[in-house]
Amino acid sequence: MRKLFAICVSSVILILNPFFASANQGDTGAATVYKVTITKFEMNNGTAWIIVSNGSSTTLDIASVNSGQAAGNFFAGLVVPDGSYTQVRVTVSPTFTISGSVGSDGSPIYTTATLSGGICVSTSSSANQAECTVSVPGGLPDPTPDNLPTTLVITGGVPSHKIRVNFGVSTAIEEGVSELLFPGTPTVTMQMIALQ
């Protein structure tokens, strides 16, 4: 087992819309806070899933300016056996914390800490904006594997690539009925950079 120094993956992002489909009206806005908690991280070597981290949860705010660094810090200390890896699988908590607004037409609405039917109540006052914690009703389905763009090879504890992930949260807050707000789907771009 060797340390994997820099890896982060896009699979921490889930498609949340199906869980809030009855509330979805389609208006979106920017998240200033979007916290996701990773509870398990696995990598596939073509034969088996290797559990890299399990049990100790880590919360990442993917809306923060240093989200990539925070994710990198979490993954930097993980121990991964030598091998070739083509897929990753991440289990996350069904609880998300968001803050942000929807609407730029002169009358935006903002998240508050109050819930109604499990979805964030909004306010028209930016001064009253607060973080809102939402749990997906019934929990989340089992995680699905994500393919890495390039095979990641670990030899002597040294990875062949660094993985850089950028999160886009400009449309990650969605408006539902009665101006209730909930987590939408952030955009994710992943780049693998060969180490020399």
Protein backbone atom coordinates (compact mmCIF):
# COMPACT_ATOMS: atom_id res chain seq x y z
CA MET A 1 0.00 0.00 0.00
CA ARG A 2 1.35 3.40 -0.96
CA LYS A 3 0.21 6.98 -0.62
CA LEU A 4 -1.66 8.56 -3.48
CA PHE A 5 -0.66 12.21 -3.42
CA ALA A 6 -3.18 14.06 -5.53
CA ILE A 7 -6.49 12.66 -6.65
CA CYS A 8 -9.97 14.05 -6.74
CA VAL A 9 -12.93 12.87 -8.80
CA SER A 10 -16.10 14.20 -10.26
CA SER A 11 -18.28 11.49 -8.81
CA VAL A 12 -18.82 13.44 -5.59
CA ILE A 13 -21.42 15.29 -7.61
CA LEU A 14 -24.81 13.66 -7.80
CA ILE A 15 -27.84 14.30 -9.92
CA LEU A 16 -30.20 15.56 -7.25
CA ASN A 17 -33.08 16.69 -9.43
CA PRO A 18 -34.94 13.34 -9.41
CA PHE A 19 -35.23 13.52 -5.62
CA PHE A 20 -36.76 16.99 -5.72
CA ALA A 21 -38.58 16.60 -9.05
CA SER A 22 -41.96 17.59 -7.65
CA ALA A 23 -40.48 20.89 -6.48
CA ASN A 24 -38.45 21.70 -9.58
CA GLN A 25 -39.55 24.67 -11.65
CA GLY A 26 -36.23 25.05 -13.42
CA ASP A 27 -35.02 28.50 -12.27
CA THR A 28 -31.42 28.32 -11.12
CA GLY A 29 -28.87 30.51 -9.39
CA ALA A 30 -25.40 30.57 -7.92
CA ALA A 31 -24.35 28.74 -4.78
CA THR A 32 -21.99 30.49 -2.40
CA VAL A 33 -21.89 27.36 -0.20
CA TYR A 34 -22.38 23.80 -1.46
CA LYS A 35 -21.18 21.22 1.07
CA VAL A 36 -20.95 17.54 0.18
CA THR A 37 -19.83 14.88 2.68
CA ILE A 38 -17.80 11.95 1.35
CA THR A 39 -18.25 8.78 3.41
CA LYS A 40 -16.52 6.20 1.21
CA PHE A 41 -14.07 6.31 -1.72
CA GLU A 42 -13.20 3.31 -3.90
CA MET A 43 -11.03 2.67 -6.96
CA ASN A 44 -11.29 -0.21 -9.43
CA ASN A 45 -8.13 -1.97 -10.64
CA GLY A 46 -9.94 -3.98 -13.34
CA THR A 47 -10.44 -6.94 -11.01
CA ALA A 48 -11.85 -5.56 -7.78
CA TRP A 49 -12.97 -2.42 -5.98
CA ILE A 50 -10.28 -1.24 -3.57
CA ILE A 51 -11.62 0.74 -0.60
CA VAL A 52 -9.35 3.74 -0.22
CA SER A 53 -11.32 5.55 2.49
CA ASN A 54 -14.26 4.35 4.55
CA GLY A 55 -15.93 5.40 7.76
CA SER A 56 -14.28 8.75 8.38
CA SER A 57 -16.35 11.33 6.57
CA THR A 58 -14.98 14.49 5.05
CA THR A 59 -17.09 17.49 4.10
CA LEU A 60 -16.03 19.55 1.08
CA ASP A 61 -17.48 22.94 0.18
CA ILE A 62 -17.30 22.75 -3.60
CA ALA A 63 -18.47 26.37 -3.90
CA SER A 64 -15.44 27.73 -2.08
CA VAL A 65 -12.60 29.25 -4.04
CA ASN A 66 -10.21 26.64 -2.66
CA SER A 67 -12.51 23.64 -3.27
CA GLY A 68 -9.92 21.86 -5.42
CA GLN A 69 -7.27 22.37 -2.75
CA ALA A 70 -9.61 21.11 0.00
CA ALA A 71 -10.48 18.02 -2.04
CA GLY A 72 -6.80 17.49 -2.80
CA ASN A 73 -5.95 17.71 0.90
CA PHE A 74 -8.48 14.99 1.67
CA PHE A 75 -7.25 12.66 -1.05
CA ALA A 76 -3.54 13.45 -0.51
CA GLY A 77 -3.18 11.28 2.59
CA LEU A 78 -4.98 8.22 1.28
CA VAL A 79 -3.13 4.94 0.88
CA VAL A 80 -3.61 3.11 -2.44
CA PRO A 81 -1.91 -0.15 -3.49
CA ASP A 82 0.21 -0.18 -6.62
CA GLY A 83 -1.81 -0.99 -9.73
CA SER A 84 -3.73 0.42 -12.68
CA TYR A 85 -7.05 2.12 -11.97
CA THR A 86 -9.70 3.01 -14.52
CA GLN A 87 -12.78 3.73 -12.39
CA VAL A 88 -13.70 5.41 -9.14
CA ARG A 89 -16.79 5.20 -6.97
CA VAL A 90 -17.70 7.70 -4.25
CA THR A 91 -20.39 7.35 -1.60
CA VAL A 92 -21.69 10.62 -0.20
CA SER A 93 -24.04 11.50 2.60
CA PRO A 94 -27.63 12.30 1.57
CA THR A 95 -27.35 15.57 3.52
CA PHE A 96 -26.19 18.71 1.70
CA THR A 97 -25.67 22.26 2.97
CA ILE A 98 -26.27 25.10 0.53
CA SER A 99 -26.43 28.86 0.48
CA GLY A 100 -27.09 31.09 -2.48
CA SER A 101 -29.69 32.85 -4.55
CA VAL A 102 -31.92 32.50 -7.57
CA GLY A 103 -33.03 35.32 -9.87
CA SER A 104 -31.16 38.30 -11.17
CA ASP A 105 -34.12 40.26 -12.46
CA GLY A 106 -33.96 42.79 -9.66
CA SER A 107 -35.83 40.59 -7.19
CA PRO A 108 -33.61 37.63 -6.30
CA ILE A 109 -34.48 35.22 -3.51
CA TYR A 110 -31.95 33.80 -1.05
CA THR A 111 -31.63 30.62 1.02
CA THR A 112 -32.52 30.66 4.71
CA ALA A 113 -31.84 28.04 7.40
CA THR A 114 -35.57 27.24 7.61
CA LEU A 115 -37.05 24.17 5.89
CA SER A 116 -40.54 23.54 4.54
CA GLY A 117 -41.26 19.99 3.45
CA GLY A 118 -37.52 19.27 3.55
CA ILE A 119 -36.67 22.12 1.13
CA CYS A 120 -35.11 25.51 1.96
CA VAL A 121 -37.42 28.45 2.55
CA SER A 122 -36.30 31.60 0.72
CA THR A 123 -36.15 35.26 1.67
CA SER A 124 -36.07 38.39 -0.46
CA SER A 125 -33.51 39.99 1.85
CA SER A 126 -29.84 39.29 1.18
CA ALA A 127 -29.15 40.26 4.80
CA ASN A 128 -31.20 37.24 5.92
CA GLN A 129 -29.41 34.76 3.64
CA ALA A 130 -28.21 31.70 5.56
CA GLU A 131 -26.92 28.19 5.01
CA CYS A 132 -29.63 25.57 4.65
CA THR A 133 -29.14 21.86 5.29
CA VAL A 134 -31.25 19.51 3.16
CA SER A 135 -31.48 15.72 3.34
CA VAL A 136 -32.52 13.78 0.25
CA PRO A 137 -35.80 11.98 1.07
CA GLY A 138 -35.24 8.24 1.37
CA GLY A 139 -31.47 8.59 1.04
CA LEU A 140 -29.36 8.20 -2.07
CA PRO A 141 -29.06 5.20 -4.39
CA ASP A 142 -25.87 3.15 -4.40
CA PRO A 143 -23.04 5.05 -6.10
CA THR A 144 -22.29 4.35 -9.74
CA PRO A 145 -18.76 4.03 -11.08
CA ASP A 146 -17.17 6.90 -12.98
CA ASN A 147 -14.53 6.21 -15.63
CA LEU A 148 -11.26 8.08 -15.32
CA PRO A 149 -10.33 9.88 -18.57
CA THR A 150 -6.94 8.11 -18.53
CA THR A 151 -5.76 5.03 -16.64
CA LEU A 152 -4.17 6.03 -13.34
CA VAL A 153 -1.11 3.88 -12.62
CA ILE A 154 0.40 3.71 -9.14
CA THR A 155 3.98 2.38 -9.12
CA GLY A 156 6.09 2.40 -5.98
CA GLY A 157 3.49 4.60 -4.34
CA VAL A 158 3.82 7.27 -7.04
CA PRO A 159 0.80 8.08 -9.24
CA SER A 160 1.21 8.50 -13.00
CA HIS A 161 -1.17 11.47 -13.07
CA LYS A 162 -2.48 14.27 -10.97
CA ILE A 163 -6.22 14.75 -11.26
CA ARG A 164 -7.52 18.31 -11.26
CA VAL A 165 -11.23 18.87 -10.72
CA ASN A 166 -13.08 22.16 -11.08
CA PHE A 167 -16.61 22.63 -9.80
CA GLY A 168 -19.05 25.09 -11.35
CA VAL A 169 -21.82 26.22 -9.03
CA SER A 170 -23.26 29.16 -10.98
CA THR A 171 -26.51 27.22 -11.48
CA ALA A 172 -26.36 24.90 -8.43
CA ILE A 173 -29.32 26.38 -6.53
CA GLU A 174 -32.75 25.54 -7.96
CA GLU A 175 -36.11 27.13 -7.28
CA GLY A 176 -39.16 25.00 -6.62
CA VAL A 177 -42.81 25.73 -5.96
CA SER A 178 -43.62 28.57 -3.55
CA GLU A 179 -40.07 29.94 -3.99
CA LEU A 180 -38.50 27.04 -2.08
CA LEU A 181 -34.83 26.42 -2.90
CA PHE A 182 -32.89 23.15 -3.10
CA PRO A 183 -29.50 21.83 -4.27
CA GLY A 184 -29.20 21.55 -8.03
CA THR A 185 -26.50 19.82 -10.04
CA PRO A 186 -23.13 21.57 -10.21
CA THR A 187 -20.99 21.22 -13.31
CA VAL A 188 -17.73 19.32 -13.04
CA THR A 189 -14.69 19.28 -15.27
CA MET A 190 -11.90 16.79 -14.64
CA GLN A 191 -8.40 16.90 -16.11
CA MET A 192 -5.67 14.31 -15.67
CA ILE A 193 -2.15 15.73 -15.83
CA ALA A 194 0.77 13.35 -16.39
CA LEU A 195 3.49 13.65 -13.75
CA GLN A 196 7.05 13.83 -14.99
